[in-house]
Amino acid sequence: MFVLLSVSIAPALALFSFFYLRNQMATEPRTTLFHTFIYGAILTFPILFLQFVVNEEKIFTSVLMQDVLFSGVVEEFFKWFILLIAIYHHIEFDDPYDGVLYGVSISLGFATVENILYILSFGLDTAFMRALMPVSSHALFGVVMGYYLGRAKFTGRNSSIRYQAVSLALPMLLHIIFNFILTIEGKWAYIMLPFMLFLWWFALRKVKIAHKQLVQMLAAQQKF
């Protein structure tokens, strides 16, 4: 059991450490990040219950509607909603890069619990592939979500609502594409590889921009 739990948690810890250590200009309070991670972990259970009910009640007759569209929309919406009501106006969300860290935290909280449940059910044989795809993809969706929430908070009021909308819609779209690729029988791996490479490139580009914005903000504050 200890080995299974360790293997389940390790990918999330590694990914969070990667994004946390990239922020060399300021140290985000670990307590707030931990709370955000816990929010994501708790979210797993109502989302899985909702997905279970939808499956049992046969609400969707199409696999694409249920496993691709519904799952992607529900998971990203709840993560976005919690970030918006619990973190967005928090006093410790005080620079653009914080959005990236909080987005990663809530996404990895969700991905960690989901990974634990999956590996406990199907064993260690699935651990490596899940670390490469579902866990890392959740982290990258969180980067994109958090980046645009950071843009929403630290840009003009006229652009705020637009960036908030993008912070929800774009992770949803990326998640739906990810789920759709998994449904392509026989050839999904050939399509998933370039998609994951694109996702890493896109997310790291957002990380770089957020870090640059943080540097500019700190430089402006030092002038005063």
C-alpha atoms as a PDB file:
ATOM      1  CA  MET A   1       0.000   0.000   0.000  1.00  0.00           C
ATOM      2  CA  PHE A   2       2.791   2.440   0.904  1.00  0.00           C
ATOM      3  CA  VAL A   3       4.512   1.783  -2.411  1.00  0.00           C
ATOM      4  CA  LEU A   4       1.297   2.354  -4.346  1.00  0.00           C
ATOM      5  CA  LEU A   5       0.624   5.618  -2.535  1.00  0.00           C
ATOM      6  CA  SER A   6       4.197   6.816  -3.039  1.00  0.00           C
ATOM      7  CA  VAL A   7       4.111   6.054  -6.752  1.00  0.00           C
ATOM      8  CA  SER A   8       0.722   7.748  -7.057  1.00  0.00           C
ATOM      9  CA  ILE A   9       1.836  10.957  -5.333  1.00  0.00           C
ATOM     10  CA  ALA A  10       5.377  11.255  -6.715  1.00  0.00           C
ATOM     11  CA  PRO A  11       4.480  12.625 -10.206  1.00  0.00           C
ATOM     12  CA  ALA A  12       2.404  15.455  -8.709  1.00  0.00           C
ATOM     13  CA  LEU A  13       5.166  16.398  -6.273  1.00  0.00           C
ATOM     14  CA  ALA A  14       7.748  16.419  -9.052  1.00  0.00           C
ATOM     15  CA  LEU A  15       5.588  18.576 -11.325  1.00  0.00           C
ATOM     16  CA  PHE A  16       4.682  21.030  -8.585  1.00  0.00           C
ATOM     17  CA  SER A  17       8.337  21.354  -7.548  1.00  0.00           C
ATOM     18  CA  PHE A  18       9.260  22.086 -11.158  1.00  0.00           C
ATOM     19  CA  PHE A  19       6.843  25.011 -11.462  1.00  0.00           C
ATOM     20  CA  TYR A  20       7.410  26.264  -7.907  1.00  0.00           C
ATOM     21  CA  LEU A  21      11.189  26.410  -8.283  1.00  0.00           C
ATOM     22  CA  ARG A  22      10.920  28.329 -11.551  1.00  0.00           C
ATOM     23  CA  ASN A  23       9.695  31.308  -9.570  1.00  0.00           C
ATOM     24  CA  GLN A  24      12.997  32.807  -8.448  1.00  0.00           C
ATOM     25  CA  MET A  25      11.714  36.313  -7.739  1.00  0.00           C
ATOM     26  CA  ALA A  26       9.261  35.687  -4.895  1.00  0.00           C
ATOM     27  CA  THR A  27       8.227  32.855  -2.601  1.00  0.00           C
ATOM     28  CA  GLU A  28       4.526  32.139  -2.494  1.00  0.00           C
ATOM     29  CA  PRO A  29       3.227  31.179   0.992  1.00  0.00           C
ATOM     30  CA  ARG A  30       3.282  27.406   1.172  1.00  0.00           C
ATOM     31  CA  THR A  31       0.242  27.241   3.447  1.00  0.00           C
ATOM     32  CA  THR A  32      -1.978  28.887   0.829  1.00  0.00           C
ATOM     33  CA  LEU A  33      -0.605  26.632  -1.887  1.00  0.00           C
ATOM     34  CA  PHE A  34      -1.230  23.594   0.298  1.00  0.00           C
ATOM     35  CA  HIS A  35      -4.803  24.724   0.943  1.00  0.00           C
ATOM     36  CA  THR A  36      -5.314  25.110  -2.806  1.00  0.00           C
ATOM     37  CA  PHE A  37      -3.949  21.597  -3.342  1.00  0.00           C
ATOM     38  CA  ILE A  38      -6.403  20.288  -0.747  1.00  0.00           C
ATOM     39  CA  TYR A  39      -9.273  22.076  -2.492  1.00  0.00           C
ATOM     40  CA  GLY A  40      -8.367  20.220  -5.670  1.00  0.00           C
ATOM     41  CA  ALA A  41      -8.100  16.915  -3.816  1.00  0.00           C
ATOM     42  CA  ILE A  42     -11.524  17.355  -2.197  1.00  0.00           C
ATOM     43  CA  LEU A  43     -13.039  18.297  -5.549  1.00  0.00           C
ATOM     44  CA  THR A  44     -12.199  14.847  -6.865  1.00  0.00           C
ATOM     45  CA  PHE A  45     -14.967  13.148  -4.897  1.00  0.00           C
ATOM     46  CA  PRO A  46     -18.014  15.229  -5.935  1.00  0.00           C
ATOM     47  CA  ILE A  47     -16.773  15.216  -9.534  1.00  0.00           C
ATOM     48  CA  LEU A  48     -16.316  11.432  -9.558  1.00  0.00           C
ATOM     49  CA  PHE A  49     -19.729  11.040  -7.923  1.00  0.00           C
ATOM     50  CA  LEU A  50     -21.320  13.269 -10.556  1.00  0.00           C
ATOM     51  CA  GLN A  51     -19.626  11.287 -13.322  1.00  0.00           C
ATOM     52  CA  PHE A  52     -20.801   8.031 -11.700  1.00  0.00           C
ATOM     53  CA  VAL A  53     -24.412   9.259 -11.561  1.00  0.00           C
ATOM     54  CA  VAL A  54     -24.292  10.401 -15.179  1.00  0.00           C
ATOM     55  CA  ASN A  55     -22.946   7.005 -16.216  1.00  0.00           C
ATOM     56  CA  GLU A  56     -25.443   4.994 -14.162  1.00  0.00           C
ATOM     57  CA  GLU A  57     -28.431   7.043 -15.253  1.00  0.00           C
ATOM     58  CA  LYS A  58     -27.353   6.823 -18.910  1.00  0.00           C
ATOM     59  CA  ILE A  59     -27.888  10.559 -19.321  1.00  0.00           C
ATOM     60  CA  PHE A  60     -25.658  10.608 -22.384  1.00  0.00           C
ATOM     61  CA  THR A  61     -26.074   7.948 -25.039  1.00  0.00           C
ATOM     62  CA  SER A  62     -22.868   8.979 -26.778  1.00  0.00           C
ATOM     63  CA  VAL A  63     -19.450   8.009 -25.409  1.00  0.00           C
ATOM     64  CA  LEU A  64     -18.037  11.188 -26.909  1.00  0.00           C
ATOM     65  CA  MET A  65     -20.544  13.330 -25.037  1.00  0.00           C
ATOM     66  CA  GLN A  66     -19.969  11.595 -21.704  1.00  0.00           C
ATOM     67  CA  ASP A  67     -16.260  10.720 -21.622  1.00  0.00           C
ATOM     68  CA  VAL A  68     -14.931  13.519 -23.809  1.00  0.00           C
ATOM     69  CA  LEU A  69     -17.126  16.594 -23.544  1.00  0.00           C
ATOM     70  CA  PHE A  70     -18.847  16.198 -20.168  1.00  0.00           C
ATOM     71  CA  SER A  71     -15.751  15.066 -18.248  1.00  0.00           C
ATOM     72  CA  GLY A  72     -13.538  17.795 -19.667  1.00  0.00           C
ATOM     73  CA  VAL A  73     -16.082  20.538 -19.018  1.00  0.00           C
ATOM     74  CA  VAL A  74     -17.035  19.446 -15.493  1.00  0.00           C
ATOM     75  CA  GLU A  75     -13.486  18.915 -14.215  1.00  0.00           C
ATOM     76  CA  GLU A  76     -12.145  22.213 -15.515  1.00  0.00           C
ATOM     77  CA  PHE A  77     -15.226  24.191 -14.485  1.00  0.00           C
ATOM     78  CA  PHE A  78     -15.062  23.116 -10.844  1.00  0.00           C
ATOM     79  CA  LYS A  79     -11.327  23.796 -10.604  1.00  0.00           C
ATOM     80  CA  TRP A  80     -11.839  27.227 -12.153  1.00  0.00           C
ATOM     81  CA  PHE A  81     -14.825  27.985  -9.914  1.00  0.00           C
ATOM     82  CA  ILE A  82     -12.920  27.190  -6.700  1.00  0.00           C
ATOM     83  CA  LEU A  83      -9.946  29.265  -7.831  1.00  0.00           C
ATOM     84  CA  LEU A  84     -12.248  32.157  -8.615  1.00  0.00           C
ATOM     85  CA  ILE A  85     -14.161  32.179  -5.317  1.00  0.00           C
ATOM     86  CA  ALA A  86     -11.433  31.044  -2.888  1.00  0.00           C
ATOM     87  CA  ILE A  87      -8.134  32.264  -4.354  1.00  0.00           C
ATOM     88  CA  TYR A  88      -8.676  34.996  -6.941  1.00  0.00           C
ATOM     89  CA  HIS A  89      -9.383  37.725  -4.368  1.00  0.00           C
ATOM     90  CA  HIS A  90      -7.003  36.323  -1.750  1.00  0.00           C
ATOM     91  CA  ILE A  91      -4.461  38.806  -0.410  1.00  0.00           C
ATOM     92  CA  GLU A  92      -1.625  36.394  -1.198  1.00  0.00           C
ATOM     93  CA  PHE A  93      -2.533  36.273  -4.886  1.00  0.00           C
ATOM     94  CA  ASP A  94      -0.375  39.338  -5.468  1.00  0.00           C
ATOM     95  CA  ASP A  95       1.543  38.815  -8.710  1.00  0.00           C
ATOM     96  CA  PRO A  96       0.933  37.242 -12.158  1.00  0.00           C
ATOM     97  CA  TYR A  97       3.038  34.141 -11.497  1.00  0.00           C
ATOM     98  CA  ASP A  98       0.878  33.282  -8.478  1.00  0.00           C
ATOM     99  CA  GLY A  99      -1.906  32.383 -10.892  1.00  0.00           C
ATOM    100  CA  VAL A 100       0.300  29.706 -12.429  1.00  0.00           C
ATOM    101  CA  LEU A 101       1.173  28.241  -9.025  1.00  0.00           C
ATOM    102  CA  TYR A 102      -2.413  28.203  -7.763  1.00  0.00           C
ATOM    103  CA  GLY A 103      -3.666  26.742 -11.037  1.00  0.00           C
ATOM    104  CA  VAL A 104      -1.066  23.980 -10.844  1.00  0.00           C
ATOM    105  CA  SER A 105      -1.827  23.354  -7.164  1.00  0.00           C
ATOM    106  CA  ILE A 106      -5.561  22.827  -7.547  1.00  0.00           C
ATOM    107  CA  SER A 107      -5.100  20.735 -10.687  1.00  0.00           C
ATOM    108  CA  LEU A 108      -2.484  18.494  -9.095  1.00  0.00           C
ATOM    109  CA  GLY A 109      -4.638  18.092  -5.994  1.00  0.00           C
ATOM    110  CA  PHE A 110      -7.369  16.694  -8.218  1.00  0.00           C
ATOM    111  CA  ALA A 111      -4.928  14.640 -10.322  1.00  0.00           C
ATOM    112  CA  THR A 112      -3.232  13.139  -7.250  1.00  0.00           C
ATOM    113  CA  VAL A 113      -6.418  11.723  -5.709  1.00  0.00           C
ATOM    114  CA  GLU A 114      -7.608  10.526  -9.114  1.00  0.00           C
ATOM    115  CA  ASN A 115      -4.210   8.869  -9.653  1.00  0.00           C
ATOM    116  CA  ILE A 116      -4.276   7.178  -6.239  1.00  0.00           C
ATOM    117  CA  LEU A 117      -7.736   5.731  -6.873  1.00  0.00           C
ATOM    118  CA  TYR A 118      -6.771   4.576 -10.360  1.00  0.00           C
ATOM    119  CA  ILE A 119      -3.496   2.906  -9.345  1.00  0.00           C
ATOM    120  CA  LEU A 120      -5.116   1.246  -6.321  1.00  0.00           C
ATOM    121  CA  SER A 121      -7.684  -0.209  -8.723  1.00  0.00           C
ATOM    122  CA  PHE A 122      -5.441  -1.192 -11.641  1.00  0.00           C
ATOM    123  CA  GLY A 123      -1.976  -1.574 -10.102  1.00  0.00           C
ATOM    124  CA  LEU A 124       1.518  -0.243 -10.734  1.00  0.00           C
ATOM    125  CA  ASP A 125       1.510  -1.244 -14.407  1.00  0.00           C
ATOM    126  CA  THR A 126      -0.416   1.936 -15.211  1.00  0.00           C
ATOM    127  CA  ALA A 127       1.700   4.288 -13.066  1.00  0.00           C
ATOM    128  CA  PHE A 128       4.286   5.352 -15.659  1.00  0.00           C
ATOM    129  CA  MET A 129       1.771   6.080 -18.399  1.00  0.00           C
ATOM    130  CA  ARG A 130      -0.493   8.011 -16.030  1.00  0.00           C
ATOM    131  CA  ALA A 131       2.432  10.130 -14.855  1.00  0.00           C
ATOM    132  CA  LEU A 132       3.277  11.001 -18.460  1.00  0.00           C
ATOM    133  CA  MET A 133      -0.253  11.829 -19.562  1.00  0.00           C
ATOM    134  CA  PRO A 134      -3.194  12.360 -17.163  1.00  0.00           C
ATOM    135  CA  VAL A 135      -1.200  13.784 -14.241  1.00  0.00           C
ATOM    136  CA  SER A 136       1.048  16.022 -16.333  1.00  0.00           C
ATOM    137  CA  SER A 137      -1.841  17.128 -18.548  1.00  0.00           C
ATOM    138  CA  HIS A 138      -3.841  18.227 -15.495  1.00  0.00           C
ATOM    139  CA  ALA A 139      -0.840  20.260 -14.333  1.00  0.00           C
ATOM    140  CA  LEU A 140      -0.526  21.891 -17.749  1.00  0.00           C
ATOM    141  CA  PHE A 141      -4.247  22.667 -17.919  1.00  0.00           C
ATOM    142  CA  GLY A 142      -3.769  24.297 -14.515  1.00  0.00           C
ATOM    143  CA  VAL A 143      -0.880  26.395 -15.808  1.00  0.00           C
ATOM    144  CA  VAL A 144      -3.032  27.742 -18.626  1.00  0.00           C
ATOM    145  CA  MET A 145      -5.979  28.388 -16.317  1.00  0.00           C
ATOM    146  CA  GLY A 146      -3.835  30.115 -13.705  1.00  0.00           C
ATOM    147  CA  TYR A 147      -1.929  32.178 -16.241  1.00  0.00           C
ATOM    148  CA  TYR A 148      -5.098  33.735 -17.634  1.00  0.00           C
ATOM    149  CA  LEU A 149      -6.529  34.289 -14.145  1.00  0.00           C
ATOM    150  CA  GLY A 150      -3.308  36.146 -13.369  1.00  0.00           C
ATOM    151  CA  ARG A 151      -3.770  38.220 -16.506  1.00  0.00           C
ATOM    152  CA  ALA A 152      -7.363  38.921 -15.463  1.00  0.00           C
ATOM    153  CA  LYS A 153      -6.299  40.154 -12.039  1.00  0.00           C
ATOM    154  CA  PHE A 154      -3.329  42.273 -13.069  1.00  0.00           C
ATOM    155  CA  THR A 155      -4.559  43.928 -16.246  1.00  0.00           C
ATOM    156  CA  GLY A 156      -7.085  46.681 -16.804  1.00  0.00           C
ATOM    157  CA  ARG A 157     -10.677  46.202 -15.736  1.00  0.00           C
ATOM    158  CA  ASN A 158     -11.863  46.216 -19.346  1.00  0.00           C
ATOM    159  CA  SER A 159      -9.812  43.093 -20.085  1.00  0.00           C
ATOM    160  CA  SER A 160     -10.464  41.296 -16.782  1.00  0.00           C
ATOM    161  CA  ILE A 161     -13.718  39.561 -17.721  1.00  0.00           C
ATOM    162  CA  ARG A 162     -12.310  38.510 -21.086  1.00  0.00           C
ATOM    163  CA  TYR A 163      -9.258  36.892 -19.477  1.00  0.00           C
ATOM    164  CA  GLN A 164     -11.452  35.185 -16.862  1.00  0.00           C
ATOM    165  CA  ALA A 165     -13.505  33.678 -19.683  1.00  0.00           C
ATOM    166  CA  VAL A 166     -10.362  32.500 -21.478  1.00  0.00           C
ATOM    167  CA  SER A 167      -9.033  30.998 -18.221  1.00  0.00           C
ATOM    168  CA  LEU A 168     -12.079  28.713 -18.223  1.00  0.00           C
ATOM    169  CA  ALA A 169     -12.661  28.096 -21.923  1.00  0.00           C
ATOM    170  CA  LEU A 170      -9.097  27.306 -23.005  1.00  0.00           C
ATOM    171  CA  PRO A 171      -8.360  24.595 -20.367  1.00  0.00           C
ATOM    172  CA  MET A 172     -11.769  23.099 -21.165  1.00  0.00           C
ATOM    173  CA  LEU A 173     -10.914  22.983 -24.870  1.00  0.00           C
ATOM    174  CA  LEU A 174      -7.481  21.448 -24.236  1.00  0.00           C
ATOM    175  CA  HIS A 175      -8.980  18.867 -21.879  1.00  0.00           C
ATOM    176  CA  ILE A 176     -11.683  17.943 -24.389  1.00  0.00           C
ATOM    177  CA  ILE A 177      -9.048  17.470 -27.100  1.00  0.00           C
ATOM    178  CA  PHE A 178      -6.994  15.295 -24.725  1.00  0.00           C
ATOM    179  CA  ASN A 179     -10.015  13.128 -23.915  1.00  0.00           C
ATOM    180  CA  PHE A 180     -10.973  12.867 -27.567  1.00  0.00           C
ATOM    181  CA  ILE A 181      -7.518  11.627 -28.572  1.00  0.00           C
ATOM    182  CA  LEU A 182      -7.803   8.841 -25.998  1.00  0.00           C
ATOM    183  CA  THR A 183     -10.938   7.563 -27.750  1.00  0.00           C
ATOM    184  CA  ILE A 184      -9.177   7.079 -31.097  1.00  0.00           C
ATOM    185  CA  GLU A 185      -8.645   3.336 -31.235  1.00  0.00           C
ATOM    186  CA  GLY A 186      -5.302   2.039 -32.435  1.00  0.00           C
ATOM    187  CA  LYS A 187      -3.735   5.390 -33.320  1.00  0.00           C
ATOM    188  CA  TRP A 188      -4.238   7.522 -30.230  1.00  0.00           C
ATOM    189  CA  ALA A 189      -0.598   7.250 -29.130  1.00  0.00           C
ATOM    190  CA  TYR A 190       0.665   8.714 -32.419  1.00  0.00           C
ATOM    191  CA  ILE A 191      -1.589  11.737 -31.986  1.00  0.00           C
ATOM    192  CA  MET A 192      -1.103  12.110 -28.229  1.00  0.00           C
ATOM    193  CA  LEU A 193       2.668  12.512 -28.446  1.00  0.00           C
ATOM    194  CA  PRO A 194       2.626  15.680 -30.590  1.00  0.00           C
ATOM    195  CA  PHE A 195      -0.332  17.010 -28.604  1.00  0.00           C
ATOM    196  CA  MET A 196       1.512  16.577 -25.294  1.00  0.00           C
ATOM    197  CA  LEU A 197       4.619  18.215 -26.768  1.00  0.00           C
ATOM    198  CA  PHE A 198       2.471  21.126 -27.901  1.00  0.00           C
ATOM    199  CA  LEU A 199       0.827  21.311 -24.468  1.00  0.00           C
ATOM    200  CA  TRP A 200       4.212  21.473 -22.719  1.00  0.00           C
ATOM    201  CA  TRP A 201       5.458  24.110 -25.151  1.00  0.00           C
ATOM    202  CA  PHE A 202       2.300  26.191 -24.773  1.00  0.00           C
ATOM    203  CA  ALA A 203       2.263  25.961 -20.960  1.00  0.00           C
ATOM    204  CA  LEU A 204       5.965  26.723 -20.561  1.00  0.00           C
ATOM    205  CA  ARG A 205       5.552  29.725 -22.835  1.00  0.00           C
ATOM    206  CA  LYS A 206       2.845  31.007 -20.495  1.00  0.00           C
ATOM    207  CA  VAL A 207       5.113  30.351 -17.509  1.00  0.00           C
ATOM    208  CA  LYS A 208       7.868  32.389 -19.132  1.00  0.00           C
ATOM    209  CA  ILE A 209       5.510  35.296 -19.856  1.00  0.00           C
ATOM    210  CA  ALA A 210       4.099  35.235 -16.302  1.00  0.00           C
ATOM    211  CA  HIS A 211       7.616  35.273 -14.866  1.00  0.00           C
ATOM    212  CA  LYS A 212       8.539  38.215 -17.095  1.00  0.00           C
ATOM    213  CA  GLN A 213       5.450  40.082 -15.896  1.00  0.00           C
ATOM    214  CA  LEU A 214       6.463  39.388 -12.295  1.00  0.00           C
ATOM    215  CA  VAL A 215       9.954  40.789 -12.924  1.00  0.00           C
ATOM    216  CA  GLN A 216       8.482  43.928 -14.496  1.00  0.00           C
ATOM    217  CA  MET A 217       6.064  44.373 -11.563  1.00  0.00           C
ATOM    218  CA  LEU A 218       8.832  44.055  -8.983  1.00  0.00           C
ATOM    219  CA  ALA A 219      11.048  46.453 -10.934  1.00  0.00           C
ATOM    220  CA  ALA A 220       8.244  49.015 -11.056  1.00  0.00           C
ATOM    221  CA  GLN A 221       7.667  48.683  -7.304  1.00  0.00           C
ATOM    222  CA  GLN A 222      11.364  49.246  -6.576  1.00  0.00           C
ATOM    223  CA  LYS A 223      11.259  52.562  -8.412  1.00  0.00           C
ATOM    224  CA  PHE A 224       8.817  53.831  -5.828  1.00  0.00           C
END
